[in-house]
Amino acid sequence: MPEKKQPLLKKIIKNDNRTIILPMDHGVSDGPIPGLVNMEATIKKAKQGGVDAIVIHKGIFRCYKKIIGKLPVLIHISASTGMGEPLRKVTVASVEEIKNLGAQGVSIHVNLANQYEPEMIKDLGRISEQCQKHGLPLLAMVYPRNQVKGKLITFQDPERVAHAARLAAELGADLVKVPYTGSAQSFKKVIQGCPIPVVIAGGDKSSEAKMVNSIKACVKAGAAGVSVGRNVFQAQNMITMIKKIKKAVHV
């Protein structure tokens, strides 16, 4: 880890080497879905609940910079929509632009196991080099994902997830987000093969108890924390949900 990255990374990953990241970049891919219609209110709840960092796009950062205040922000650099080619993520910002905005880091999305994989891997390598140059931490969201009979499928088998995590580390990411493999025991294989901090994705909306128990088990197995979106901002009580996750992660 280059010296100039360390102070920013410490704002995202706390002293216990764990983190709770709230991704709120869904407005590009899915539009103003429930929980992300009123971004001002959601950001305020994220701060009140005590997340360690948020992931948003550059335009949202510009709109709500004053409200965000000192909350660490990773600007998401990838985009696609459900109306076009959802698998194919293209880059929509430069690292230099993100640095000039005053964000604490960069987030990039890579989908493996599909026909667009090569160009997204190429983008990861290029963005990683730029982050190194400008001293910004890089979160890589890497998913083995493809369309099967017209439906997006995220593969959760340990072998592919472990490969996804390792790819992020090999290409220079500082932190990687991957799907949960279904059990803490199988997720250990992912962590063991990856030299950078690994956080689990929250996945589709699910039961609160199931999600919290999965987080506890994964953290115990060595995960650095979570990056949970819908299960937080679409929770009945978002602030309470964040506090429950905090108890599971920052133990």
C-alpha atoms as a PDB file:
ATOM      1  CA  MET A   1       0.000   0.000   0.000  1.00  0.00           C
ATOM      2  CA  PRO A   2       1.601   3.310  -1.081  1.00  0.00           C
ATOM      3  CA  GLU A   3       2.025   5.803   1.757  1.00  0.00           C
ATOM      4  CA  LYS A   4      -0.206   8.395   0.121  1.00  0.00           C
ATOM      5  CA  LYS A   5      -3.121   5.943   0.021  1.00  0.00           C
ATOM      6  CA  GLN A   6      -2.964   4.944   3.668  1.00  0.00           C
ATOM      7  CA  PRO A   7      -4.650   7.993   5.287  1.00  0.00           C
ATOM      8  CA  LEU A   8      -7.628   7.715   2.923  1.00  0.00           C
ATOM      9  CA  LEU A   9      -7.895   3.949   3.290  1.00  0.00           C
ATOM     10  CA  LYS A  10      -7.934   4.331   7.082  1.00  0.00           C
ATOM     11  CA  LYS A  11     -11.036   6.504   6.718  1.00  0.00           C
ATOM     12  CA  ILE A  12     -12.790   3.637   4.917  1.00  0.00           C
ATOM     13  CA  ILE A  13     -11.382   0.634   6.824  1.00  0.00           C
ATOM     14  CA  LYS A  14     -11.393   1.325  10.543  1.00  0.00           C
ATOM     15  CA  ASN A  15      -8.790   0.480  13.202  1.00  0.00           C
ATOM     16  CA  ASP A  16     -10.240  -3.012  13.658  1.00  0.00           C
ATOM     17  CA  ASN A  17      -9.529  -3.631   9.927  1.00  0.00           C
ATOM     18  CA  ARG A  18     -13.250  -3.820   9.204  1.00  0.00           C
ATOM     19  CA  THR A  19     -15.710  -1.693   7.329  1.00  0.00           C
ATOM     20  CA  ILE A  20     -19.404  -1.173   6.558  1.00  0.00           C
ATOM     21  CA  ILE A  21     -19.938   0.282   3.099  1.00  0.00           C
ATOM     22  CA  LEU A  22     -23.345   1.436   1.861  1.00  0.00           C
ATOM     23  CA  PRO A  23     -23.562   1.326  -1.958  1.00  0.00           C
ATOM     24  CA  MET A  24     -26.119   3.762  -3.355  1.00  0.00           C
ATOM     25  CA  ASP A  25     -25.114   3.760  -7.023  1.00  0.00           C
ATOM     26  CA  HIS A  26     -28.280   1.970  -8.156  1.00  0.00           C
ATOM     27  CA  GLY A  27     -29.853   5.102  -9.678  1.00  0.00           C
ATOM     28  CA  VAL A  28     -27.833   4.581 -12.860  1.00  0.00           C
ATOM     29  CA  SER A  29     -28.616   0.892 -13.328  1.00  0.00           C
ATOM     30  CA  ASP A  30     -32.169   0.802 -11.950  1.00  0.00           C
ATOM     31  CA  GLY A  31     -33.392   4.393 -11.634  1.00  0.00           C
ATOM     32  CA  PRO A  32     -34.867   5.967  -8.481  1.00  0.00           C
ATOM     33  CA  ILE A  33     -35.794   2.726  -6.718  1.00  0.00           C
ATOM     34  CA  PRO A  34     -37.397   2.683  -3.237  1.00  0.00           C
ATOM     35  CA  GLY A  35     -34.937   3.960  -0.660  1.00  0.00           C
ATOM     36  CA  LEU A  36     -33.071   6.054  -3.215  1.00  0.00           C
ATOM     37  CA  VAL A  37     -35.826   8.417  -4.333  1.00  0.00           C
ATOM     38  CA  ASN A  38     -34.950  11.043  -1.731  1.00  0.00           C
ATOM     39  CA  MET A  39     -31.170  10.858  -1.668  1.00  0.00           C
ATOM     40  CA  GLU A  40     -30.825  13.655   0.868  1.00  0.00           C
ATOM     41  CA  ALA A  41     -32.888  11.750   3.427  1.00  0.00           C
ATOM     42  CA  THR A  42     -31.070   8.479   2.756  1.00  0.00           C
ATOM     43  CA  ILE A  43     -27.625  10.050   3.100  1.00  0.00           C
ATOM     44  CA  LYS A  44     -28.665  11.645   6.389  1.00  0.00           C
ATOM     45  CA  LYS A  45     -29.835   8.255   7.696  1.00  0.00           C
ATOM     46  CA  ALA A  46     -26.584   6.634   6.562  1.00  0.00           C
ATOM     47  CA  LYS A  47     -24.645   9.185   8.591  1.00  0.00           C
ATOM     48  CA  GLN A  48     -26.921   8.828  11.601  1.00  0.00           C
ATOM     49  CA  GLY A  49     -26.688   5.036  11.522  1.00  0.00           C
ATOM     50  CA  GLY A  50     -22.917   5.215  11.300  1.00  0.00           C
ATOM     51  CA  VAL A  51     -21.791   3.541   8.068  1.00  0.00           C
ATOM     52  CA  ASP A  52     -18.066   3.779   7.401  1.00  0.00           C
ATOM     53  CA  ALA A  53     -18.338   4.814   3.744  1.00  0.00           C
ATOM     54  CA  ILE A  54     -20.829   5.190   0.900  1.00  0.00           C
ATOM     55  CA  VAL A  55     -20.613   4.452  -2.822  1.00  0.00           C
ATOM     56  CA  ILE A  56     -22.314   6.955  -5.133  1.00  0.00           C
ATOM     57  CA  HIS A  57     -21.903   8.379  -8.622  1.00  0.00           C
ATOM     58  CA  LYS A  58     -20.180  11.697  -9.258  1.00  0.00           C
ATOM     59  CA  GLY A  59     -23.360  13.665  -9.970  1.00  0.00           C
ATOM     60  CA  ILE A  60     -24.954  12.656  -6.676  1.00  0.00           C
ATOM     61  CA  PHE A  61     -21.732  13.606  -4.898  1.00  0.00           C
ATOM     62  CA  ARG A  62     -21.870  17.073  -6.447  1.00  0.00           C
ATOM     63  CA  CYS A  63     -25.555  17.509  -5.545  1.00  0.00           C
ATOM     64  CA  TYR A  64     -25.206  16.475  -1.895  1.00  0.00           C
ATOM     65  CA  LYS A  65     -21.604  17.286  -1.018  1.00  0.00           C
ATOM     66  CA  LYS A  66     -22.560  19.599   1.864  1.00  0.00           C
ATOM     67  CA  ILE A  67     -24.907  17.012   3.370  1.00  0.00           C
ATOM     68  CA  ILE A  68     -22.322  14.239   2.959  1.00  0.00           C
ATOM     69  CA  GLY A  69     -19.798  16.304   4.893  1.00  0.00           C
ATOM     70  CA  LYS A  70     -16.956  14.187   6.285  1.00  0.00           C
ATOM     71  CA  LEU A  71     -18.572  10.808   5.520  1.00  0.00           C
ATOM     72  CA  PRO A  72     -16.037   8.911   3.340  1.00  0.00           C
ATOM     73  CA  VAL A  73     -17.160   8.562  -0.267  1.00  0.00           C
ATOM     74  CA  LEU A  74     -16.115   6.138  -2.986  1.00  0.00           C
ATOM     75  CA  ILE A  75     -17.180   7.456  -6.388  1.00  0.00           C
ATOM     76  CA  HIS A  76     -18.455   4.662  -8.607  1.00  0.00           C
ATOM     77  CA  ILE A  77     -16.774   4.765 -11.978  1.00  0.00           C
ATOM     78  CA  SER A  78     -18.834   2.048 -13.729  1.00  0.00           C
ATOM     79  CA  ALA A  79     -22.237   2.197 -15.404  1.00  0.00           C
ATOM     80  CA  SER A  80     -24.834   0.228 -17.326  1.00  0.00           C
ATOM     81  CA  THR A  81     -28.632   0.120 -17.272  1.00  0.00           C
ATOM     82  CA  GLY A  82     -31.271  -2.577 -17.187  1.00  0.00           C
ATOM     83  CA  MET A  83     -32.692  -1.071 -20.391  1.00  0.00           C
ATOM     84  CA  GLY A  84     -29.582  -1.912 -22.403  1.00  0.00           C
ATOM     85  CA  GLU A  85     -26.718  -4.307 -21.653  1.00  0.00           C
ATOM     86  CA  PRO A  86     -26.741  -4.655 -17.846  1.00  0.00           C
ATOM     87  CA  LEU A  87     -23.731  -6.988 -17.875  1.00  0.00           C
ATOM     88  CA  ARG A  88     -21.516  -4.584 -19.778  1.00  0.00           C
ATOM     89  CA  LYS A  89     -20.047  -1.981 -17.427  1.00  0.00           C
ATOM     90  CA  VAL A  90     -18.341   1.021 -19.006  1.00  0.00           C
ATOM     91  CA  THR A  91     -16.291   3.663 -17.186  1.00  0.00           C
ATOM     92  CA  VAL A  92     -17.967   7.063 -16.842  1.00  0.00           C
ATOM     93  CA  ALA A  93     -15.415   9.076 -14.873  1.00  0.00           C
ATOM     94  CA  SER A  94     -11.659   9.454 -14.570  1.00  0.00           C
ATOM     95  CA  VAL A  95      -9.648   9.003 -11.399  1.00  0.00           C
ATOM     96  CA  GLU A  96      -8.290  12.532 -11.793  1.00  0.00           C
ATOM     97  CA  GLU A  97     -11.875  13.865 -11.904  1.00  0.00           C
ATOM     98  CA  ILE A  98     -12.730  11.928  -8.738  1.00  0.00           C
ATOM     99  CA  LYS A  99      -9.666  13.253  -6.963  1.00  0.00           C
ATOM    100  CA  ASN A 100     -10.570  16.824  -7.946  1.00  0.00           C
ATOM    101  CA  LEU A 101     -14.087  16.319  -6.583  1.00  0.00           C
ATOM    102  CA  GLY A 102     -12.577  15.569  -3.177  1.00  0.00           C
ATOM    103  CA  ALA A 103     -13.800  11.986  -2.729  1.00  0.00           C
ATOM    104  CA  GLN A 104     -11.862   9.477  -0.618  1.00  0.00           C
ATOM    105  CA  GLY A 105     -11.735   6.666  -3.139  1.00  0.00           C
ATOM    106  CA  VAL A 106     -12.853   4.998  -6.355  1.00  0.00           C
ATOM    107  CA  SER A 107     -15.235   2.094  -6.925  1.00  0.00           C
ATOM    108  CA  ILE A 108     -15.293  -0.017 -10.086  1.00  0.00           C
ATOM    109  CA  HIS A 109     -17.570  -2.904 -11.128  1.00  0.00           C
ATOM    110  CA  VAL A 110     -16.348  -5.922 -13.084  1.00  0.00           C
ATOM    111  CA  ASN A 111     -18.553  -8.790 -14.278  1.00  0.00           C
ATOM    112  CA  LEU A 112     -16.709 -12.009 -15.069  1.00  0.00           C
ATOM    113  CA  ALA A 113     -17.916 -15.172 -16.864  1.00  0.00           C
ATOM    114  CA  ASN A 114     -19.550 -13.354 -19.799  1.00  0.00           C
ATOM    115  CA  GLN A 115     -18.629 -11.986 -23.233  1.00  0.00           C
ATOM    116  CA  TYR A 116     -17.805  -8.513 -21.883  1.00  0.00           C
ATOM    117  CA  GLU A 117     -15.262  -9.787 -19.356  1.00  0.00           C
ATOM    118  CA  PRO A 118     -12.101  -8.827 -21.330  1.00  0.00           C
ATOM    119  CA  GLU A 119     -12.936  -5.131 -21.653  1.00  0.00           C
ATOM    120  CA  MET A 120     -13.926  -4.847 -17.982  1.00  0.00           C
ATOM    121  CA  ILE A 121     -10.699  -6.546 -16.875  1.00  0.00           C
ATOM    122  CA  LYS A 122      -8.805  -4.084 -19.071  1.00  0.00           C
ATOM    123  CA  ASP A 123     -10.655  -1.185 -17.410  1.00  0.00           C
ATOM    124  CA  LEU A 124      -9.790  -2.513 -13.947  1.00  0.00           C
ATOM    125  CA  GLY A 125      -6.094  -2.595 -14.816  1.00  0.00           C
ATOM    126  CA  ARG A 126      -6.209   0.924 -16.237  1.00  0.00           C
ATOM    127  CA  ILE A 127      -8.167   2.419 -13.330  1.00  0.00           C
ATOM    128  CA  SER A 128      -5.913   0.645 -10.823  1.00  0.00           C
ATOM    129  CA  GLU A 129      -2.882   2.299 -12.412  1.00  0.00           C
ATOM    130  CA  GLN A 130      -4.566   5.721 -12.225  1.00  0.00           C
ATOM    131  CA  CYS A 131      -5.525   5.193  -8.572  1.00  0.00           C
ATOM    132  CA  GLN A 132      -1.913   4.333  -7.801  1.00  0.00           C
ATOM    133  CA  LYS A 133      -0.772   7.509  -9.542  1.00  0.00           C
ATOM    134  CA  HIS A 134      -3.265   9.782  -7.772  1.00  0.00           C
ATOM    135  CA  GLY A 135      -3.156   8.075  -4.374  1.00  0.00           C
ATOM    136  CA  LEU A 136      -6.824   7.052  -4.196  1.00  0.00           C
ATOM    137  CA  PRO A 137      -7.923   3.701  -2.708  1.00  0.00           C
ATOM    138  CA  LEU A 138      -9.721   1.395  -5.149  1.00  0.00           C
ATOM    139  CA  LEU A 139     -12.699  -0.809  -4.307  1.00  0.00           C
ATOM    140  CA  ALA A 140     -13.312  -3.463  -6.971  1.00  0.00           C
ATOM    141  CA  MET A 141     -16.779  -5.011  -7.059  1.00  0.00           C
ATOM    142  CA  VAL A 142     -16.128  -8.263  -8.903  1.00  0.00           C
ATOM    143  CA  TYR A 143     -18.942 -10.686  -9.678  1.00  0.00           C
ATOM    144  CA  PRO A 144     -19.013 -13.909 -11.700  1.00  0.00           C
ATOM    145  CA  ARG A 145     -22.200 -13.025 -13.574  1.00  0.00           C
ATOM    146  CA  ASN A 146     -23.958 -13.843 -16.839  1.00  0.00           C
ATOM    147  CA  GLN A 147     -27.364 -13.892 -18.452  1.00  0.00           C
ATOM    148  CA  VAL A 148     -29.094 -17.244 -18.422  1.00  0.00           C
ATOM    149  CA  LYS A 149     -32.358 -17.432 -20.385  1.00  0.00           C
ATOM    150  CA  GLY A 150     -32.666 -13.653 -20.251  1.00  0.00           C
ATOM    151  CA  LYS A 151     -32.100 -13.420 -16.503  1.00  0.00           C
ATOM    152  CA  LEU A 152     -28.998 -12.058 -14.764  1.00  0.00           C
ATOM    153  CA  ILE A 153     -27.406 -14.782 -12.687  1.00  0.00           C
ATOM    154  CA  THR A 154     -24.657 -14.157 -10.124  1.00  0.00           C
ATOM    155  CA  PHE A 155     -22.633 -17.319  -9.544  1.00  0.00           C
ATOM    156  CA  GLN A 156     -21.877 -17.967  -5.884  1.00  0.00           C
ATOM    157  CA  ASP A 157     -19.766 -21.110  -5.989  1.00  0.00           C
ATOM    158  CA  PRO A 158     -16.555 -20.711  -3.940  1.00  0.00           C
ATOM    159  CA  GLU A 159     -14.236 -21.458  -6.855  1.00  0.00           C
ATOM    160  CA  ARG A 160     -15.522 -18.646  -9.069  1.00  0.00           C
ATOM    161  CA  VAL A 161     -15.911 -16.194  -6.185  1.00  0.00           C
ATOM    162  CA  ALA A 162     -12.362 -16.937  -4.982  1.00  0.00           C
ATOM    163  CA  HIS A 163     -11.124 -16.352  -8.529  1.00  0.00           C
ATOM    164  CA  ALA A 164     -12.986 -13.027  -8.665  1.00  0.00           C
ATOM    165  CA  ALA A 165     -11.440 -11.845  -5.398  1.00  0.00           C
ATOM    166  CA  ARG A 166      -7.949 -12.919  -6.436  1.00  0.00           C
ATOM    167  CA  LEU A 167      -8.278 -11.149  -9.790  1.00  0.00           C
ATOM    168  CA  ALA A 168      -9.018  -7.864  -7.996  1.00  0.00           C
ATOM    169  CA  ALA A 169      -5.917  -8.252  -5.829  1.00  0.00           C
ATOM    170  CA  GLU A 170      -3.721  -9.283  -8.751  1.00  0.00           C
ATOM    171  CA  LEU A 171      -4.726  -6.191 -10.728  1.00  0.00           C
ATOM    172  CA  GLY A 172      -4.079  -3.761  -7.894  1.00  0.00           C
ATOM    173  CA  ALA A 173      -7.356  -3.123  -6.048  1.00  0.00           C
ATOM    174  CA  ASP A 174      -7.073  -2.206  -2.359  1.00  0.00           C
ATOM    175  CA  LEU A 175     -10.397  -3.733  -1.331  1.00  0.00           C
ATOM    176  CA  VAL A 176     -12.674  -6.224  -3.083  1.00  0.00           C
ATOM    177  CA  LYS A 177     -16.404  -6.869  -2.872  1.00  0.00           C
ATOM    178  CA  VAL A 178     -17.661 -10.286  -3.956  1.00  0.00           C
ATOM    179  CA  PRO A 179     -20.872 -12.320  -3.629  1.00  0.00           C
ATOM    180  CA  TYR A 180     -21.456 -14.415  -0.525  1.00  0.00           C
ATOM    181  CA  THR A 181     -20.807 -18.106  -1.166  1.00  0.00           C
ATOM    182  CA  GLY A 182     -23.601 -19.299   1.101  1.00  0.00           C
ATOM    183  CA  SER A 183     -21.605 -20.352   4.151  1.00  0.00           C
ATOM    184  CA  ALA A 184     -18.762 -19.020   6.274  1.00  0.00           C
ATOM    185  CA  GLN A 185     -16.810 -22.230   5.720  1.00  0.00           C
ATOM    186  CA  SER A 186     -16.877 -21.890   1.935  1.00  0.00           C
ATOM    187  CA  PHE A 187     -16.174 -18.144   2.167  1.00  0.00           C
ATOM    188  CA  LYS A 188     -12.951 -18.939   4.052  1.00  0.00           C
ATOM    189  CA  LYS A 189     -11.568 -20.278   0.760  1.00  0.00           C
ATOM    190  CA  VAL A 190     -12.196 -16.880  -0.812  1.00  0.00           C
ATOM    191  CA  ILE A 191     -10.404 -15.011   1.981  1.00  0.00           C
ATOM    192  CA  GLN A 192      -7.468 -17.429   2.135  1.00  0.00           C
ATOM    193  CA  GLY A 193      -6.666 -16.866  -1.540  1.00  0.00           C
ATOM    194  CA  CYS A 194      -6.893 -13.076  -1.444  1.00  0.00           C
ATOM    195  CA  PRO A 195      -4.198 -10.812   0.073  1.00  0.00           C
ATOM    196  CA  ILE A 196      -6.418  -7.694   0.224  1.00  0.00           C
ATOM    197  CA  PRO A 197      -9.472  -7.076   2.463  1.00  0.00           C
ATOM    198  CA  VAL A 198     -12.607  -8.860   1.234  1.00  0.00           C
ATOM    199  CA  VAL A 199     -16.134  -7.588   1.887  1.00  0.00           C
ATOM    200  CA  ILE A 200     -19.304  -9.500   1.141  1.00  0.00           C
ATOM    201  CA  ALA A 201     -22.068  -8.139  -1.054  1.00  0.00           C
ATOM    202  CA  GLY A 202     -25.475  -7.793   0.552  1.00  0.00           C
ATOM    203  CA  GLY A 203     -27.217  -9.301  -2.457  1.00  0.00           C
ATOM    204  CA  ASP A 204     -30.938  -9.166  -3.163  1.00  0.00           C
ATOM    205  CA  LYS A 205     -33.406  -8.038  -0.507  1.00  0.00           C
ATOM    206  CA  SER A 206     -33.664 -10.805   2.075  1.00  0.00           C
ATOM    207  CA  SER A 207     -34.703 -11.385   5.663  1.00  0.00           C
ATOM    208  CA  GLU A 208     -32.961  -9.212   8.235  1.00  0.00           C
ATOM    209  CA  ALA A 209     -32.046 -12.081  10.565  1.00  0.00           C
ATOM    210  CA  LYS A 210     -30.607 -14.199   7.749  1.00  0.00           C
ATOM    211  CA  MET A 211     -28.431 -11.342   6.523  1.00  0.00           C
ATOM    212  CA  VAL A 212     -27.119 -10.357   9.970  1.00  0.00           C
ATOM    213  CA  ASN A 213     -26.283 -13.977  10.818  1.00  0.00           C
ATOM    214  CA  SER A 214     -24.412 -14.351   7.498  1.00  0.00           C
ATOM    215  CA  ILE A 215     -22.408 -11.196   8.241  1.00  0.00           C
ATOM    216  CA  LYS A 216     -21.470 -12.428  11.725  1.00  0.00           C
ATOM    217  CA  ALA A 217     -20.309 -15.769  10.348  1.00  0.00           C
ATOM    218  CA  CYS A 218     -18.270 -14.226   7.527  1.00  0.00           C
ATOM    219  CA  VAL A 219     -16.563 -11.693   9.789  1.00  0.00           C
ATOM    220  CA  LYS A 220     -15.650 -14.546  12.125  1.00  0.00           C
ATOM    221  CA  ALA A 221     -14.210 -16.375   9.130  1.00  0.00           C
ATOM    222  CA  GLY A 222     -11.999 -13.389   8.252  1.00  0.00           C
ATOM    223  CA  ALA A 223     -14.060 -11.080   6.057  1.00  0.00           C
ATOM    224  CA  ALA A 224     -13.268  -7.364   6.384  1.00  0.00           C
ATOM    225  CA  GLY A 225     -16.937  -6.435   6.495  1.00  0.00           C
ATOM    226  CA  VAL A 226     -19.839  -5.811   4.171  1.00  0.00           C
ATOM    227  CA  SER A 227     -21.070  -3.670   1.326  1.00  0.00           C
ATOM    228  CA  VAL A 228     -24.837  -3.796   1.688  1.00  0.00           C
ATOM    229  CA  GLY A 229     -27.317  -1.759  -0.339  1.00  0.00           C
ATOM    230  CA  ARG A 230     -30.981  -2.746  -0.675  1.00  0.00           C
ATOM    231  CA  ASN A 231     -31.043  -4.603   2.624  1.00  0.00           C
ATOM    232  CA  VAL A 232     -30.137  -1.302   4.287  1.00  0.00           C
ATOM    233  CA  PHE A 233     -31.746   1.545   2.353  1.00  0.00           C
ATOM    234  CA  GLN A 234     -34.942  -0.442   1.783  1.00  0.00           C
ATOM    235  CA  ALA A 235     -35.154  -1.640   5.394  1.00  0.00           C
ATOM    236  CA  GLN A 236     -38.233  -0.686   7.396  1.00  0.00           C
ATOM    237  CA  ASN A 237     -35.952   1.266   9.730  1.00  0.00           C
ATOM    238  CA  MET A 238     -32.694   2.049   7.961  1.00  0.00           C
ATOM    239  CA  ILE A 239     -30.896   3.497  10.997  1.00  0.00           C
ATOM    240  CA  THR A 240     -31.748   0.498  13.174  1.00  0.00           C
ATOM    241  CA  MET A 241     -30.614  -1.851  10.401  1.00  0.00           C
ATOM    242  CA  ILE A 242     -27.234  -0.128  10.127  1.00  0.00           C
ATOM    243  CA  LYS A 243     -26.734  -0.351  13.889  1.00  0.00           C
ATOM    244  CA  LYS A 244     -27.450  -4.097  13.815  1.00  0.00           C
ATOM    245  CA  ILE A 245     -24.878  -4.553  11.048  1.00  0.00           C
ATOM    246  CA  LYS A 246     -22.360  -2.485  13.030  1.00  0.00           C
ATOM    247  CA  LYS A 247     -22.729  -4.875  15.957  1.00  0.00           C
ATOM    248  CA  ALA A 248     -22.055  -7.792  13.602  1.00  0.00           C
ATOM    249  CA  VAL A 249     -19.019  -6.210  11.930  1.00  0.00           C
ATOM    250  CA  HIS A 250     -17.324  -4.026  14.534  1.00  0.00           C
ATOM    251  CA  VAL A 251     -17.383  -6.548  17.366  1.00  0.00           C
END
